[in-house]
C-alpha atoms as a PDB file:
ATOM      1  CA  MET A   1       0.000   0.000   0.000  1.00  0.00           C
ATOM      2  CA  ALA A   2       1.288   3.454  -0.838  1.00  0.00           C
ATOM      3  CA  LEU A   3      -0.003   6.964  -0.281  1.00  0.00           C
ATOM      4  CA  GLN A   4      -1.307   8.566  -3.433  1.00  0.00           C
ATOM      5  CA  SER A   5      -2.146  12.219  -4.097  1.00  0.00           C
ATOM      6  CA  THR A   6      -4.062  13.980  -1.335  1.00  0.00           C
ATOM      7  CA  VAL A   7      -7.635  15.239  -1.606  1.00  0.00           C
ATOM      8  CA  ARG A   8      -9.313  18.082   0.322  1.00  0.00           C
ATOM      9  CA  ILE A   9     -13.073  18.231   0.688  1.00  0.00           C
ATOM     10  CA  GLU A  10     -14.865  20.998   2.532  1.00  0.00           C
ATOM     11  CA  THR A  11     -18.251  22.273   3.591  1.00  0.00           C
ATOM     12  CA  ALA A  12     -19.921  25.200   1.962  1.00  0.00           C
ATOM     13  CA  THR A  13     -19.307  28.474   3.793  1.00  0.00           C
ATOM     14  CA  LEU A  14     -21.162  28.332   7.118  1.00  0.00           C
ATOM     15  CA  ALA A  15     -22.141  31.714   8.530  1.00  0.00           C
ATOM     16  CA  HIS A  16     -22.312  32.353  12.260  1.00  0.00           C
ATOM     17  CA  GLY A  17     -26.092  31.788  12.374  1.00  0.00           C
ATOM     18  CA  SER A  18     -25.564  28.157  11.287  1.00  0.00           C
ATOM     19  CA  LEU A  19     -22.749  27.600  13.792  1.00  0.00           C
ATOM     20  CA  THR A  20     -24.927  27.381  16.871  1.00  0.00           C
ATOM     21  CA  ALA A  21     -23.961  25.672  20.119  1.00  0.00           C
ATOM     22  CA  ALA A  22     -23.505  21.915  19.582  1.00  0.00           C
ATOM     23  CA  SER A  23     -24.426  22.075  15.872  1.00  0.00           C
ATOM     24  CA  VAL A  24     -23.207  19.209  13.659  1.00  0.00           C
ATOM     25  CA  HIS A  25     -22.069  19.774  10.073  1.00  0.00           C
ATOM     26  CA  ASP A  26     -21.222  17.003   7.612  1.00  0.00           C
ATOM     27  CA  ILE A  27     -17.956  17.854   5.861  1.00  0.00           C
ATOM     28  CA  GLY A  28     -18.033  15.144   3.219  1.00  0.00           C
ATOM     29  CA  THR A  29     -17.451  11.485   2.517  1.00  0.00           C
ATOM     30  CA  VAL A  30     -14.009   9.909   2.668  1.00  0.00           C
ATOM     31  CA  PRO A  31     -13.958   6.876   0.354  1.00  0.00           C
ATOM     32  CA  ASN A  32     -13.067   3.378   1.456  1.00  0.00           C
ATOM     33  CA  ASN A  33      -9.338   2.577   1.721  1.00  0.00           C
ATOM     34  CA  CYS A  34      -8.122   6.099   2.537  1.00  0.00           C
ATOM     35  CA  VAL A  35      -6.171   7.608   5.408  1.00  0.00           C
ATOM     36  CA  VAL A  36      -7.269  10.883   6.993  1.00  0.00           C
ATOM     37  CA  LEU A  37      -4.317  13.277   7.158  1.00  0.00           C
ATOM     38  CA  ALA A  38      -5.969  16.336   8.745  1.00  0.00           C
ATOM     39  CA  VAL A  39      -9.275  17.947   9.594  1.00  0.00           C
ATOM     40  CA  GLY A  40      -9.904  21.545  10.489  1.00  0.00           C
ATOM     41  CA  SER A  41     -11.475  24.900   9.834  1.00  0.00           C
ATOM     42  CA  GLU A  42     -10.728  27.890   7.647  1.00  0.00           C
ATOM     43  CA  CYS A  43     -12.074  31.325   8.584  1.00  0.00           C
ATOM     44  CA  ILE A  44     -13.731  32.890   5.530  1.00  0.00           C
ATOM     45  CA  ALA A  45     -14.969  36.134   7.158  1.00  0.00           C
ATOM     46  CA  ALA A  46     -13.564  37.499  10.419  1.00  0.00           C
ATOM     47  CA  ALA A  47     -15.443  35.904  13.293  1.00  0.00           C
ATOM     48  CA  THR A  48     -16.502  36.962  16.746  1.00  0.00           C
ATOM     49  CA  VAL A  49     -16.360  34.090  19.222  1.00  0.00           C
ATOM     50  CA  GLY A  50     -16.835  34.915  22.917  1.00  0.00           C
ATOM     51  CA  GLY A  51     -14.365  32.297  24.145  1.00  0.00           C
ATOM     52  CA  ALA A  52     -13.032  28.878  23.240  1.00  0.00           C
ATOM     53  CA  ASN A  53     -15.127  26.811  20.842  1.00  0.00           C
ATOM     54  CA  ALA A  54     -13.505  23.387  20.564  1.00  0.00           C
ATOM     55  CA  VAL A  55     -14.955  21.864  17.409  1.00  0.00           C
ATOM     56  CA  SER A  56     -14.928  18.044  17.498  1.00  0.00           C
ATOM     57  CA  TYR A  57     -14.152  16.190  14.285  1.00  0.00           C
ATOM     58  CA  GLY A  58     -15.186  12.608  13.739  1.00  0.00           C
ATOM     59  CA  VAL A  59     -17.457  10.123  12.060  1.00  0.00           C
ATOM     60  CA  THR A  60     -21.088  11.056  11.522  1.00  0.00           C
ATOM     61  CA  GLY A  61     -23.228   8.741  13.622  1.00  0.00           C
ATOM     62  CA  GLY A  62     -20.141   7.308  15.316  1.00  0.00           C
ATOM     63  CA  ASP A  63     -17.114   8.586  17.214  1.00  0.00           C
ATOM     64  CA  ILE A  64     -17.846  12.319  16.954  1.00  0.00           C
ATOM     65  CA  ASP A  65     -14.389  13.330  18.222  1.00  0.00           C
ATOM     66  CA  GLY A  66     -12.367  10.490  16.736  1.00  0.00           C
ATOM     67  CA  PHE A  67     -10.114  12.878  14.804  1.00  0.00           C
ATOM     68  CA  GLY A  68      -9.603  15.311  17.675  1.00  0.00           C
ATOM     69  CA  THR A  69     -10.721  18.872  18.336  1.00  0.00           C
ATOM     70  CA  GLY A  70      -9.700  22.300  17.125  1.00  0.00           C
ATOM     71  CA  ASP A  71     -10.591  25.689  18.639  1.00  0.00           C
ATOM     72  CA  ILE A  72     -12.176  27.936  15.996  1.00  0.00           C
ATOM     73  CA  ASN A  73     -11.644  30.892  18.340  1.00  0.00           C
ATOM     74  CA  ALA A  74      -7.905  30.391  17.794  1.00  0.00           C
ATOM     75  CA  GLY A  75      -8.437  30.963  14.064  1.00  0.00           C
ATOM     76  CA  LYS A  76     -11.032  33.729  13.822  1.00  0.00           C
ATOM     77  CA  ALA A  77      -9.162  36.118  11.514  1.00  0.00           C
ATOM     78  CA  THR A  78      -9.963  35.940   7.812  1.00  0.00           C
ATOM     79  CA  GLY A  79      -7.808  33.272   6.186  1.00  0.00           C
ATOM     80  CA  ALA A  80      -6.793  31.610   9.476  1.00  0.00           C
ATOM     81  CA  ILE A  81      -6.617  27.812   9.370  1.00  0.00           C
ATOM     82  CA  VAL A  82      -6.762  25.520  12.398  1.00  0.00           C
ATOM     83  CA  THR A  83      -6.009  21.837  11.798  1.00  0.00           C
ATOM     84  CA  THR A  84      -6.019  18.765  13.982  1.00  0.00           C
ATOM     85  CA  VAL A  85      -5.884  15.000  13.758  1.00  0.00           C
ATOM     86  CA  ASP A  86      -5.095  12.401  16.394  1.00  0.00           C
ATOM     87  CA  GLY A  87      -2.492  10.433  14.480  1.00  0.00           C
ATOM     88  CA  LEU A  88      -2.536   9.167  10.929  1.00  0.00           C
ATOM     89  CA  THR A  89      -3.941   5.746  11.711  1.00  0.00           C
ATOM     90  CA  ASN A  90      -7.510   6.569  10.708  1.00  0.00           C
ATOM     91  CA  VAL A  91      -7.795   4.385   7.620  1.00  0.00           C
ATOM     92  CA  THR A  92     -11.404   3.960   6.600  1.00  0.00           C
ATOM     93  CA  ASN A  93     -12.738   0.494   5.921  1.00  0.00           C
ATOM     94  CA  ALA A  94     -15.916   1.762   4.263  1.00  0.00           C
ATOM     95  CA  ASP A  95     -17.053   5.068   2.783  1.00  0.00           C
ATOM     96  CA  THR A  96     -17.189   7.298   5.868  1.00  0.00           C
ATOM     97  CA  VAL A  97     -19.000  10.619   6.365  1.00  0.00           C
ATOM     98  CA  ILE A  98     -16.855  13.028   8.404  1.00  0.00           C
ATOM     99  CA  SER A  99     -18.484  15.705  10.565  1.00  0.00           C
ATOM    100  CA  ALA A 100     -17.640  18.754  12.646  1.00  0.00           C
ATOM    101  CA  LYS A 101     -19.539  19.448  15.884  1.00  0.00           C
ATOM    102  CA  THR A 102     -19.256  22.878  17.482  1.00  0.00           C
ATOM    103  CA  ALA A 103     -18.866  23.200  21.248  1.00  0.00           C
ATOM    104  CA  GLY A 104     -21.887  23.477  23.495  1.00  0.00           C
ATOM    105  CA  SER A 105     -21.051  27.101  24.320  1.00  0.00           C
ATOM    106  CA  ASN A 106     -19.470  30.193  22.787  1.00  0.00           C
ATOM    107  CA  ALA A 107     -21.069  29.979  19.348  1.00  0.00           C
ATOM    108  CA  PRO A 108     -19.793  32.605  16.892  1.00  0.00           C
ATOM    109  CA  SER A 109     -21.855  35.801  16.753  1.00  0.00           C
ATOM    110  CA  ALA A 110     -20.264  37.026  13.509  1.00  0.00           C
ATOM    111  CA  GLY A 111     -18.170  35.688  10.655  1.00  0.00           C
ATOM    112  CA  SER A 112     -18.105  32.416   8.726  1.00  0.00           C
ATOM    113  CA  TYR A 113     -16.044  29.241   8.381  1.00  0.00           C
ATOM    114  CA  LYS A 114     -15.479  26.269   6.126  1.00  0.00           C
ATOM    115  CA  PHE A 115     -14.639  22.900   7.671  1.00  0.00           C
ATOM    116  CA  PHE A 116     -12.425  20.504   5.736  1.00  0.00           C
ATOM    117  CA  VAL A 117     -10.904  17.053   5.727  1.00  0.00           C
ATOM    118  CA  VAL A 118      -7.699  16.126   3.880  1.00  0.00           C
ATOM    119  CA  TYR A 119      -7.249  12.479   2.991  1.00  0.00           C
ATOM    120  CA  ALA A 120      -5.089  10.317   0.771  1.00  0.00           C
ATOM    121  CA  PRO A 121      -6.157   7.163  -1.030  1.00  0.00           C
ATOM    122  CA  MET A 122      -4.085   4.117  -0.235  1.00  0.00           C
ATOM    123  CA  GLY A 123      -3.123   2.229  -3.358  1.00  0.00           C
ATOM    124  CA  ASN A 124      -1.131  -0.576  -4.802  1.00  0.00           C
ATOM    125  CA  THR A 125       2.658  -0.196  -4.497  1.00  0.00           C
ATOM    126  CA  GLY A 126       3.215  -1.606  -7.958  1.00  0.00           C
ATOM    127  CA  ALA A 127       5.326  -4.461  -6.606  1.00  0.00           C
ATOM    128  CA  ALA A 128       6.403  -7.187  -8.997  1.00  0.00           C
ATOM    129  CA  ALA A 129       4.008 -10.024  -9.589  1.00  0.00           C
ATOM    130  CA  GLU A 130       5.052 -13.656  -9.282  1.00  0.00           C
ATOM    131  CA  VAL A 131       8.190 -14.390 -11.325  1.00  0.00           C
ATOM    132  CA  ASP A 132       9.337 -17.557 -13.053  1.00  0.00           C
ATOM    133  CA  ARG A 133      12.391 -18.506 -10.999  1.00  0.00           C
ATOM    134  CA  ASP A 134      13.687 -20.777 -13.790  1.00  0.00           C
ATOM    135  CA  LEU A 135      14.372 -17.675 -15.902  1.00  0.00           C
ATOM    136  CA  LEU A 136      16.569 -16.086 -13.199  1.00  0.00           C
ATOM    137  CA  ASP A 137      19.497 -18.503 -13.664  1.00  0.00           C
END
């Protein structure tokens, strides 16, 4: 298995009114046989967040914080990116919908974000197939 080119998928721009306390947003589907490299947020319009807002990233309908958390308050200036992932061992074994869940408090009162996931397909290494040992002499 070898890493192939990376892919980034992201949500549409989510304005502060959609980013309420404990709101869940599906980022997109990571195909089977891929490894998640990073998840995070990108500030699209300067945000106002009245304190820490640790967004949990994980599997929709499953481990909601399986990929860790990132504080969108730490990246509230336009263009700021906050990424997180708990290791690179998160290889999917089926198509998996990834989600972002905002914290239960300190929802943004201004601004907008996109959430994203970066993954890489795992593929064949291109190793040699079976050889005829009689031809190696």
